[in-house]
Amino acid sequence: MEYRKANIEDIPLLKELRKKQLLDEGIEANQNIDQDLEQFFQKYLLSESLIQMLVVEQEHGKIIATGAIVIYEFPPTYTNSSGRKAYVTNMYTEEAFRGKGIATNLLKKLVEEARERDIKKMWLGASKLGRPVYKKFGFKETDEWMELEIES
């Protein structure tokens, strides 16, 4: 397996992987999000606030997994003086390759990317499928994260 960072040329592939991930999580594809995904990947890859990793199966050159961190800046706190945090997102492994430690290796690489940027805190929202992987890795569940949907 080859682990590499995604770049601008990978955006068409990143869009498809993201849609597969959402469907895999049981989210209905009830609208076209291609343009929104294009804009997101363009903006965040260029600003280097998105570190998107791809896993390439060597024999056929096929992308079989992906994972990313989005780097956010918050006001400094006593427990995080830089205020910088990394949000883990876009974690997806093709079904035939699950259970082989690929997601764990991706997380290790993403943690190293965060460490290189002096980021001390990572957080995520986990699907039921991903929750055991994150717990085993050392992520802890908290009651801190809440979400509000704002209707237009």
N, C-alpha and C. Protein backbone atom coordinates (compact mmCIF):
# COMPACT_ATOMS: atom_id res chain seq x y z
N MET A 1 0.83 -1.18 0.00
CA MET A 1 0.00 0.00 0.00
C MET A 1 0.88 1.25 0.00
N GLU A 2 0.48 2.21 -0.78
CA GLU A 2 1.16 3.50 -0.78
C GLU A 2 0.21 4.53 -0.16
N TYR A 3 0.74 5.30 0.79
CA TYR A 3 -0.01 6.38 1.42
C TYR A 3 0.57 7.68 0.88
N ARG A 4 -0.30 8.54 0.32
CA ARG A 4 0.19 9.81 -0.21
C ARG A 4 -0.83 10.91 0.04
N LYS A 5 -0.33 12.15 0.01
CA LYS A 5 -1.21 13.31 0.16
C LYS A 5 -1.91 13.59 -1.16
N ALA A 6 -3.17 13.94 -1.05
CA ALA A 6 -3.93 14.32 -2.24
C ALA A 6 -3.52 15.72 -2.66
N ASN A 7 -3.71 16.02 -3.95
CA ASN A 7 -3.43 17.35 -4.47
C ASN A 7 -4.59 17.79 -5.35
N ILE A 8 -4.47 18.96 -5.94
CA ILE A 8 -5.55 19.54 -6.75
C ILE A 8 -5.99 18.60 -7.87
N GLU A 9 -5.06 17.89 -8.48
CA GLU A 9 -5.40 16.98 -9.57
C GLU A 9 -6.29 15.83 -9.10
N ASP A 10 -6.31 15.56 -7.80
CA ASP A 10 -7.10 14.46 -7.25
C ASP A 10 -8.55 14.85 -6.95
N ILE A 11 -8.91 16.11 -7.16
CA ILE A 11 -10.25 16.57 -6.75
C ILE A 11 -11.38 15.73 -7.35
N PRO A 12 -11.38 15.38 -8.64
CA PRO A 12 -12.49 14.54 -9.14
C PRO A 12 -12.62 13.22 -8.35
N LEU A 13 -11.51 12.62 -8.03
CA LEU A 13 -11.51 11.39 -7.24
C LEU A 13 -12.00 11.66 -5.81
N LEU A 14 -11.54 12.74 -5.21
CA LEU A 14 -11.96 13.08 -3.84
C LEU A 14 -13.46 13.29 -3.76
N LYS A 15 -14.03 13.91 -4.77
CA LYS A 15 -15.48 14.11 -4.79
C LYS A 15 -16.22 12.78 -4.79
N GLU A 16 -15.77 11.86 -5.63
CA GLU A 16 -16.43 10.55 -5.71
C GLU A 16 -16.27 9.75 -4.41
N LEU A 17 -15.08 9.80 -3.83
CA LEU A 17 -14.86 9.10 -2.56
C LEU A 17 -15.74 9.66 -1.46
N ARG A 18 -15.87 10.98 -1.41
CA ARG A 18 -16.71 11.61 -0.38
C ARG A 18 -18.17 11.17 -0.54
N LYS A 19 -18.66 11.13 -1.77
CA LYS A 19 -20.05 10.70 -1.99
C LYS A 19 -20.25 9.23 -1.62
N LYS A 20 -19.25 8.38 -1.92
CA LYS A 20 -19.33 6.98 -1.52
C LYS A 20 -19.38 6.85 0.00
N GLN A 21 -18.55 7.66 0.67
CA GLN A 21 -18.52 7.64 2.13
C GLN A 21 -19.88 8.02 2.70
N LEU A 22 -20.48 9.08 2.18
CA LEU A 22 -21.77 9.54 2.69
C LEU A 22 -22.85 8.48 2.48
N LEU A 23 -22.87 7.86 1.31
CA LEU A 23 -23.83 6.79 1.06
C LEU A 23 -23.60 5.61 2.00
N ASP A 24 -22.33 5.29 2.23
CA ASP A 24 -21.97 4.19 3.12
C ASP A 24 -22.46 4.45 4.56
N GLU A 25 -22.52 5.74 4.93
CA GLU A 25 -23.00 6.12 6.25
C GLU A 25 -24.52 6.19 6.32
N GLY A 26 -25.19 5.90 5.20
CA GLY A 26 -26.64 5.89 5.19
C GLY A 26 -27.27 7.24 4.90
N ILE A 27 -26.49 8.18 4.38
CA ILE A 27 -27.01 9.51 4.06
C ILE A 27 -27.53 9.49 2.63
N GLU A 28 -28.78 9.88 2.47
CA GLU A 28 -29.43 9.85 1.16
C GLU A 28 -28.86 10.91 0.23
N ALA A 29 -28.60 10.51 -1.01
CA ALA A 29 -28.10 11.43 -2.02
C ALA A 29 -29.29 12.15 -2.65
N ASN A 30 -29.80 13.16 -1.94
CA ASN A 30 -31.03 13.82 -2.38
C ASN A 30 -30.79 15.14 -3.11
N GLN A 31 -29.52 15.46 -3.41
CA GLN A 31 -29.20 16.65 -4.19
C GLN A 31 -27.81 16.51 -4.78
N ASN A 32 -27.50 17.34 -5.75
CA ASN A 32 -26.19 17.32 -6.40
C ASN A 32 -25.24 18.22 -5.60
N ILE A 33 -24.18 17.63 -5.06
CA ILE A 33 -23.21 18.39 -4.26
C ILE A 33 -21.85 18.51 -4.94
N ASP A 34 -21.79 18.15 -6.21
CA ASP A 34 -20.50 18.16 -6.93
C ASP A 34 -19.83 19.53 -6.90
N GLN A 35 -20.57 20.59 -7.19
CA GLN A 35 -19.97 21.92 -7.23
C GLN A 35 -19.50 22.34 -5.83
N ASP A 36 -20.30 22.03 -4.81
CA ASP A 36 -19.91 22.36 -3.43
C ASP A 36 -18.65 21.61 -3.03
N LEU A 37 -18.56 20.33 -3.40
CA LEU A 37 -17.37 19.55 -3.09
C LEU A 37 -16.16 20.11 -3.84
N GLU A 38 -16.35 20.46 -5.09
CA GLU A 38 -15.27 21.05 -5.89
C GLU A 38 -14.72 22.30 -5.21
N GLN A 39 -15.62 23.20 -4.80
CA GLN A 39 -15.22 24.45 -4.15
C GLN A 39 -14.50 24.17 -2.83
N PHE A 40 -15.03 23.23 -2.06
CA PHE A 40 -14.41 22.89 -0.77
C PHE A 40 -12.98 22.41 -0.97
N PHE A 41 -12.82 21.40 -1.83
CA PHE A 41 -11.49 20.82 -2.02
C PHE A 41 -10.52 21.84 -2.62
N GLN A 42 -10.98 22.66 -3.56
CA GLN A 42 -10.12 23.71 -4.12
C GLN A 42 -9.63 24.64 -3.01
N LYS A 43 -10.56 25.18 -2.25
CA LYS A 43 -10.23 26.17 -1.22
C LYS A 43 -9.30 25.60 -0.16
N TYR A 44 -9.67 24.45 0.40
CA TYR A 44 -8.93 23.95 1.55
C TYR A 44 -7.63 23.24 1.19
N LEU A 45 -7.57 22.61 0.03
CA LEU A 45 -6.28 22.04 -0.40
C LEU A 45 -5.28 23.15 -0.71
N LEU A 46 -5.74 24.19 -1.39
CA LEU A 46 -4.84 25.30 -1.74
C LEU A 46 -4.35 26.05 -0.51
N SER A 47 -5.21 26.21 0.49
CA SER A 47 -4.82 26.93 1.71
C SER A 47 -4.03 26.06 2.67
N GLU A 48 -3.91 24.78 2.35
CA GLU A 48 -3.23 23.78 3.18
C GLU A 48 -3.87 23.62 4.56
N SER A 49 -5.15 23.98 4.66
CA SER A 49 -5.86 23.71 5.91
C SER A 49 -6.62 22.38 5.82
N LEU A 50 -6.50 21.70 4.69
CA LEU A 50 -7.00 20.34 4.51
C LEU A 50 -5.81 19.47 4.14
N ILE A 51 -5.58 18.43 4.95
CA ILE A 51 -4.58 17.42 4.63
C ILE A 51 -5.36 16.15 4.34
N GLN A 52 -5.47 15.80 3.07
CA GLN A 52 -6.24 14.64 2.63
C GLN A 52 -5.25 13.57 2.19
N MET A 53 -5.31 12.42 2.82
CA MET A 53 -4.43 11.30 2.47
C MET A 53 -5.21 10.29 1.61
N LEU A 54 -4.50 9.66 0.70
CA LEU A 54 -5.06 8.61 -0.14
C LEU A 54 -4.23 7.35 0.05
N VAL A 55 -4.90 6.21 0.01
CA VAL A 55 -4.20 4.92 0.09
C VAL A 55 -4.37 4.24 -1.26
N VAL A 56 -3.25 3.93 -1.89
CA VAL A 56 -3.23 3.33 -3.21
C VAL A 56 -2.83 1.87 -3.09
N GLU A 57 -3.67 1.00 -3.62
CA GLU A 57 -3.34 -0.43 -3.69
C GLU A 57 -2.37 -0.57 -4.86
N GLN A 58 -1.17 -1.02 -4.56
CA GLN A 58 -0.06 -0.99 -5.53
C GLN A 58 -0.30 -1.81 -6.79
N GLU A 59 -0.85 -3.00 -6.65
CA GLU A 59 -0.95 -3.90 -7.79
C GLU A 59 -1.74 -3.31 -8.95
N HIS A 60 -2.88 -2.67 -8.63
CA HIS A 60 -3.74 -2.12 -9.68
C HIS A 60 -3.75 -0.59 -9.71
N GLY A 61 -3.06 0.04 -8.77
CA GLY A 61 -3.02 1.50 -8.73
C GLY A 61 -4.34 2.13 -8.34
N LYS A 62 -5.19 1.35 -7.67
CA LYS A 62 -6.53 1.82 -7.32
C LYS A 62 -6.51 2.48 -5.93
N ILE A 63 -7.24 3.59 -5.79
CA ILE A 63 -7.41 4.24 -4.49
C ILE A 63 -8.42 3.41 -3.70
N ILE A 64 -8.01 2.91 -2.54
CA ILE A 64 -8.89 2.05 -1.76
C ILE A 64 -9.32 2.67 -0.43
N ALA A 65 -8.69 3.78 -0.05
CA ALA A 65 -9.06 4.41 1.22
C ALA A 65 -8.61 5.87 1.22
N THR A 66 -9.25 6.62 2.08
CA THR A 66 -8.90 8.04 2.22
C THR A 66 -9.23 8.49 3.64
N GLY A 67 -8.60 9.56 4.04
CA GLY A 67 -8.86 10.19 5.34
C GLY A 67 -8.24 11.57 5.33
N ALA A 68 -8.77 12.44 6.18
CA ALA A 68 -8.29 13.82 6.15
C ALA A 68 -8.39 14.47 7.53
N ILE A 69 -7.67 15.57 7.65
CA ILE A 69 -7.86 16.49 8.77
C ILE A 69 -8.07 17.88 8.19
N VAL A 70 -8.99 18.61 8.82
CA VAL A 70 -9.18 20.02 8.50
C VAL A 70 -8.66 20.78 9.71
N ILE A 71 -7.79 21.73 9.46
CA ILE A 71 -7.17 22.48 10.55
C ILE A 71 -7.96 23.76 10.79
N TYR A 72 -8.37 23.94 12.05
CA TYR A 72 -9.15 25.11 12.46
C TYR A 72 -8.38 25.89 13.51
N GLU A 73 -8.63 27.19 13.52
CA GLU A 73 -8.04 28.07 14.53
C GLU A 73 -9.15 28.55 15.46
N PHE A 74 -8.96 28.34 16.74
CA PHE A 74 -9.87 28.80 17.77
C PHE A 74 -9.11 29.73 18.70
N PRO A 75 -9.80 30.50 19.52
CA PRO A 75 -9.08 31.29 20.52
C PRO A 75 -8.28 30.36 21.44
N PRO A 76 -7.10 30.76 21.86
CA PRO A 76 -6.31 29.92 22.78
C PRO A 76 -7.06 29.65 24.08
N THR A 77 -6.76 28.50 24.65
CA THR A 77 -7.33 28.12 25.94
C THR A 77 -6.18 27.68 26.86
N TYR A 78 -6.51 27.43 28.12
CA TYR A 78 -5.49 26.95 29.04
C TYR A 78 -5.03 25.54 28.70
N THR A 79 -5.88 24.77 28.02
CA THR A 79 -5.49 23.42 27.65
C THR A 79 -4.99 23.31 26.21
N ASN A 80 -5.07 24.41 25.45
CA ASN A 80 -4.61 24.41 24.06
C ASN A 80 -4.19 25.84 23.70
N SER A 81 -2.96 26.19 24.10
CA SER A 81 -2.53 27.59 23.99
C SER A 81 -2.44 28.11 22.55
N SER A 82 -2.27 27.23 21.56
CA SER A 82 -2.23 27.69 20.17
C SER A 82 -3.64 27.92 19.63
N GLY A 83 -4.61 27.22 20.21
CA GLY A 83 -5.98 27.29 19.72
C GLY A 83 -6.21 26.45 18.47
N ARG A 84 -5.16 25.90 17.89
CA ARG A 84 -5.29 25.11 16.67
C ARG A 84 -5.76 23.70 16.98
N LYS A 85 -6.74 23.24 16.19
CA LYS A 85 -7.26 21.88 16.32
C LYS A 85 -7.40 21.27 14.93
N ALA A 86 -7.36 19.96 14.89
CA ALA A 86 -7.55 19.24 13.62
C ALA A 86 -8.80 18.38 13.74
N TYR A 87 -9.69 18.54 12.78
CA TYR A 87 -10.92 17.75 12.72
C TYR A 87 -10.71 16.61 11.72
N VAL A 88 -10.90 15.39 12.18
CA VAL A 88 -10.75 14.21 11.33
C VAL A 88 -12.03 14.04 10.51
N THR A 89 -11.88 13.91 9.20
CA THR A 89 -13.04 13.78 8.32
C THR A 89 -12.70 12.94 7.10
N ASN A 90 -13.71 12.65 6.30
CA ASN A 90 -13.54 11.94 5.02
C ASN A 90 -12.86 10.59 5.17
N MET A 91 -13.03 9.94 6.31
CA MET A 91 -12.45 8.61 6.49
C MET A 91 -13.32 7.59 5.76
N TYR A 92 -12.71 6.89 4.82
CA TYR A 92 -13.44 5.90 4.04
C TYR A 92 -12.48 4.84 3.54
N THR A 93 -12.90 3.58 3.67
CA THR A 93 -12.14 2.45 3.13
C THR A 93 -13.09 1.60 2.30
N GLU A 94 -12.67 1.23 1.10
CA GLU A 94 -13.48 0.34 0.27
C GLU A 94 -13.78 -0.93 1.06
N GLU A 95 -15.00 -1.42 0.92
CA GLU A 95 -15.47 -2.54 1.74
C GLU A 95 -14.54 -3.75 1.70
N ALA A 96 -14.01 -4.10 0.54
CA ALA A 96 -13.16 -5.29 0.41
C ALA A 96 -11.85 -5.16 1.18
N PHE A 97 -11.48 -3.94 1.60
CA PHE A 97 -10.20 -3.73 2.27
C PHE A 97 -10.36 -3.38 3.76
N ARG A 98 -11.58 -3.45 4.26
CA ARG A 98 -11.82 -3.13 5.67
C ARG A 98 -11.32 -4.24 6.57
N GLY A 99 -10.97 -3.85 7.80
CA GLY A 99 -10.50 -4.83 8.78
C GLY A 99 -9.06 -5.23 8.61
N LYS A 100 -8.31 -4.49 7.82
CA LYS A 100 -6.90 -4.81 7.56
C LYS A 100 -5.94 -3.78 8.16
N GLY A 101 -6.47 -2.87 8.99
CA GLY A 101 -5.62 -1.88 9.65
C GLY A 101 -5.34 -0.64 8.83
N ILE A 102 -5.98 -0.51 7.68
CA ILE A 102 -5.73 0.63 6.80
C ILE A 102 -6.18 1.93 7.45
N ALA A 103 -7.39 1.96 8.03
CA ALA A 103 -7.88 3.17 8.69
C ALA A 103 -6.99 3.56 9.86
N THR A 104 -6.51 2.58 10.60
CA THR A 104 -5.61 2.87 11.73
C THR A 104 -4.31 3.49 11.22
N ASN A 105 -3.76 2.94 10.15
CA ASN A 105 -2.53 3.51 9.57
C ASN A 105 -2.77 4.92 9.04
N LEU A 106 -3.94 5.14 8.45
CA LEU A 106 -4.29 6.49 7.98
C LEU A 106 -4.33 7.46 9.16
N LEU A 107 -4.97 7.04 10.25
CA LEU A 107 -5.03 7.90 11.44
C LEU A 107 -3.64 8.22 11.96
N LYS A 108 -2.76 7.24 11.97
CA LYS A 108 -1.38 7.48 12.42
C LYS A 108 -0.72 8.55 11.56
N LYS A 109 -0.91 8.46 10.25
CA LYS A 109 -0.31 9.44 9.34
C LYS A 109 -0.93 10.83 9.55
N LEU A 110 -2.24 10.88 9.80
CA LEU A 110 -2.90 12.16 10.04
C LEU A 110 -2.45 12.78 11.36
N VAL A 111 -2.26 11.95 12.38
CA VAL A 111 -1.75 12.44 13.67
C VAL A 111 -0.34 13.01 13.47
N GLU A 112 0.47 12.34 12.68
CA GLU A 112 1.82 12.83 12.42
C GLU A 112 1.78 14.17 11.68
N GLU A 113 0.88 14.30 10.73
CA GLU A 113 0.71 15.59 10.02
C GLU A 113 0.32 16.69 11.00
N ALA A 114 -0.58 16.37 11.92
CA ALA A 114 -0.99 17.35 12.94
C ALA A 114 0.18 17.70 13.85
N ARG A 115 0.92 16.69 14.26
CA ARG A 115 2.08 16.89 15.15
C ARG A 115 3.11 17.82 14.48
N GLU A 116 3.35 17.61 13.19
CA GLU A 116 4.30 18.45 12.46
C GLU A 116 3.87 19.91 12.41
N ARG A 117 2.57 20.15 12.56
CA ARG A 117 2.03 21.52 12.56
C ARG A 117 1.79 22.04 13.97
N ASP A 118 2.34 21.33 14.96
CA ASP A 118 2.23 21.69 16.37
C ASP A 118 0.77 21.76 16.84
N ILE A 119 -0.06 20.86 16.33
CA ILE A 119 -1.45 20.76 16.75
C ILE A 119 -1.54 19.72 17.84
N LYS A 120 -2.19 20.08 18.94
CA LYS A 120 -2.24 19.20 20.11
C LYS A 120 -3.61 18.55 20.32
N LYS A 121 -4.63 19.02 19.62
CA LYS A 121 -5.99 18.49 19.82
C LYS A 121 -6.59 18.07 18.48
N MET A 122 -7.22 16.89 18.48
CA MET A 122 -7.95 16.40 17.31
C MET A 122 -9.33 16.00 17.78
N TRP A 123 -10.32 16.19 16.92
CA TRP A 123 -11.67 15.74 17.26
C TRP A 123 -12.37 15.27 16.01
N LEU A 124 -13.51 14.61 16.18
CA LEU A 124 -14.23 14.05 15.05
C LEU A 124 -15.66 13.72 15.44
N GLY A 125 -16.46 13.49 14.44
CA GLY A 125 -17.80 12.93 14.60
C GLY A 125 -17.75 11.56 13.94
N ALA A 126 -17.99 10.52 14.69
CA ALA A 126 -17.79 9.16 14.18
C ALA A 126 -19.11 8.49 13.79
N SER A 127 -19.08 7.79 12.66
CA SER A 127 -20.20 6.95 12.27
C SER A 127 -20.17 5.70 13.17
N LYS A 128 -21.23 4.94 13.16
CA LYS A 128 -21.26 3.69 13.94
C LYS A 128 -20.15 2.75 13.48
N LEU A 129 -19.91 2.73 12.17
CA LEU A 129 -18.88 1.86 11.60
C LEU A 129 -17.49 2.27 12.06
N GLY A 130 -17.24 3.58 12.16
CA GLY A 130 -15.92 4.06 12.51
C GLY A 130 -15.63 4.13 14.00
N ARG A 131 -16.68 4.21 14.81
CA ARG A 131 -16.51 4.40 16.26
C ARG A 131 -15.52 3.43 16.90
N PRO A 132 -15.60 2.11 16.63
CA PRO A 132 -14.64 1.19 17.26
C PRO A 132 -13.19 1.46 16.87
N VAL A 133 -12.97 1.87 15.63
CA VAL A 133 -11.61 2.18 15.16
C VAL A 133 -11.04 3.35 15.97
N TYR A 134 -11.85 4.40 16.13
CA TYR A 134 -11.39 5.60 16.84
C TYR A 134 -11.18 5.33 18.33
N LYS A 135 -12.08 4.56 18.93
CA LYS A 135 -11.92 4.22 20.35
C LYS A 135 -10.64 3.42 20.57
N LYS A 136 -10.42 2.43 19.73
CA LYS A 136 -9.22 1.60 19.83
C LYS A 136 -7.96 2.45 19.67
N PHE A 137 -8.05 3.46 18.81
CA PHE A 137 -6.92 4.34 18.55
C PHE A 137 -6.62 5.26 19.74
N GLY A 138 -7.63 5.51 20.58
CA GLY A 138 -7.43 6.37 21.75
C GLY A 138 -8.35 7.57 21.83
N PHE A 139 -9.21 7.78 20.83
CA PHE A 139 -10.18 8.87 20.92
C PHE A 139 -11.18 8.57 22.04
N LYS A 140 -11.57 9.59 22.76
CA LYS A 140 -12.52 9.44 23.86
C LYS A 140 -13.80 10.20 23.52
N GLU A 141 -14.92 9.60 23.91
CA GLU A 141 -16.21 10.26 23.70
C GLU A 141 -16.39 11.34 24.75
N THR A 142 -16.96 12.48 24.33
CA THR A 142 -17.24 13.56 25.27
C THR A 142 -18.67 14.04 25.07
N ASP A 143 -19.12 14.84 26.00
CA ASP A 143 -20.45 15.43 25.90
C ASP A 143 -20.38 16.86 25.37
N GLU A 144 -19.22 17.28 24.89
CA GLU A 144 -19.01 18.68 24.54
C GLU A 144 -19.58 19.10 23.20
N TRP A 145 -19.72 18.21 22.26
CA TRP A 145 -20.08 18.61 20.92
C TRP A 145 -21.59 18.57 20.74
N MET A 146 -22.16 19.69 20.34
CA MET A 146 -23.58 19.79 20.02
C MET A 146 -23.70 20.41 18.64
N GLU A 147 -24.85 20.21 18.01
CA GLU A 147 -25.03 20.69 16.65
C GLU A 147 -26.41 21.30 16.50
N LEU A 148 -26.51 22.36 15.73
CA LEU A 148 -27.78 23.03 15.44
C LEU A 148 -27.94 23.09 13.93
N GLU A 149 -29.09 22.62 13.44
CA GLU A 149 -29.38 22.75 12.02
C GLU A 149 -30.21 24.01 11.84
N ILE A 150 -29.75 24.91 11.00
CA ILE A 150 -30.44 26.17 10.75
C ILE A 150 -31.19 26.05 9.44
N GLU A 151 -32.49 26.18 9.50
CA GLU A 151 -33.31 26.07 8.30
C GLU A 151 -33.32 27.38 7.56
N SER A 152 -33.36 27.30 6.23
CA SER A 152 -33.36 28.52 5.44
C SER A 152 -34.76 29.10 5.27
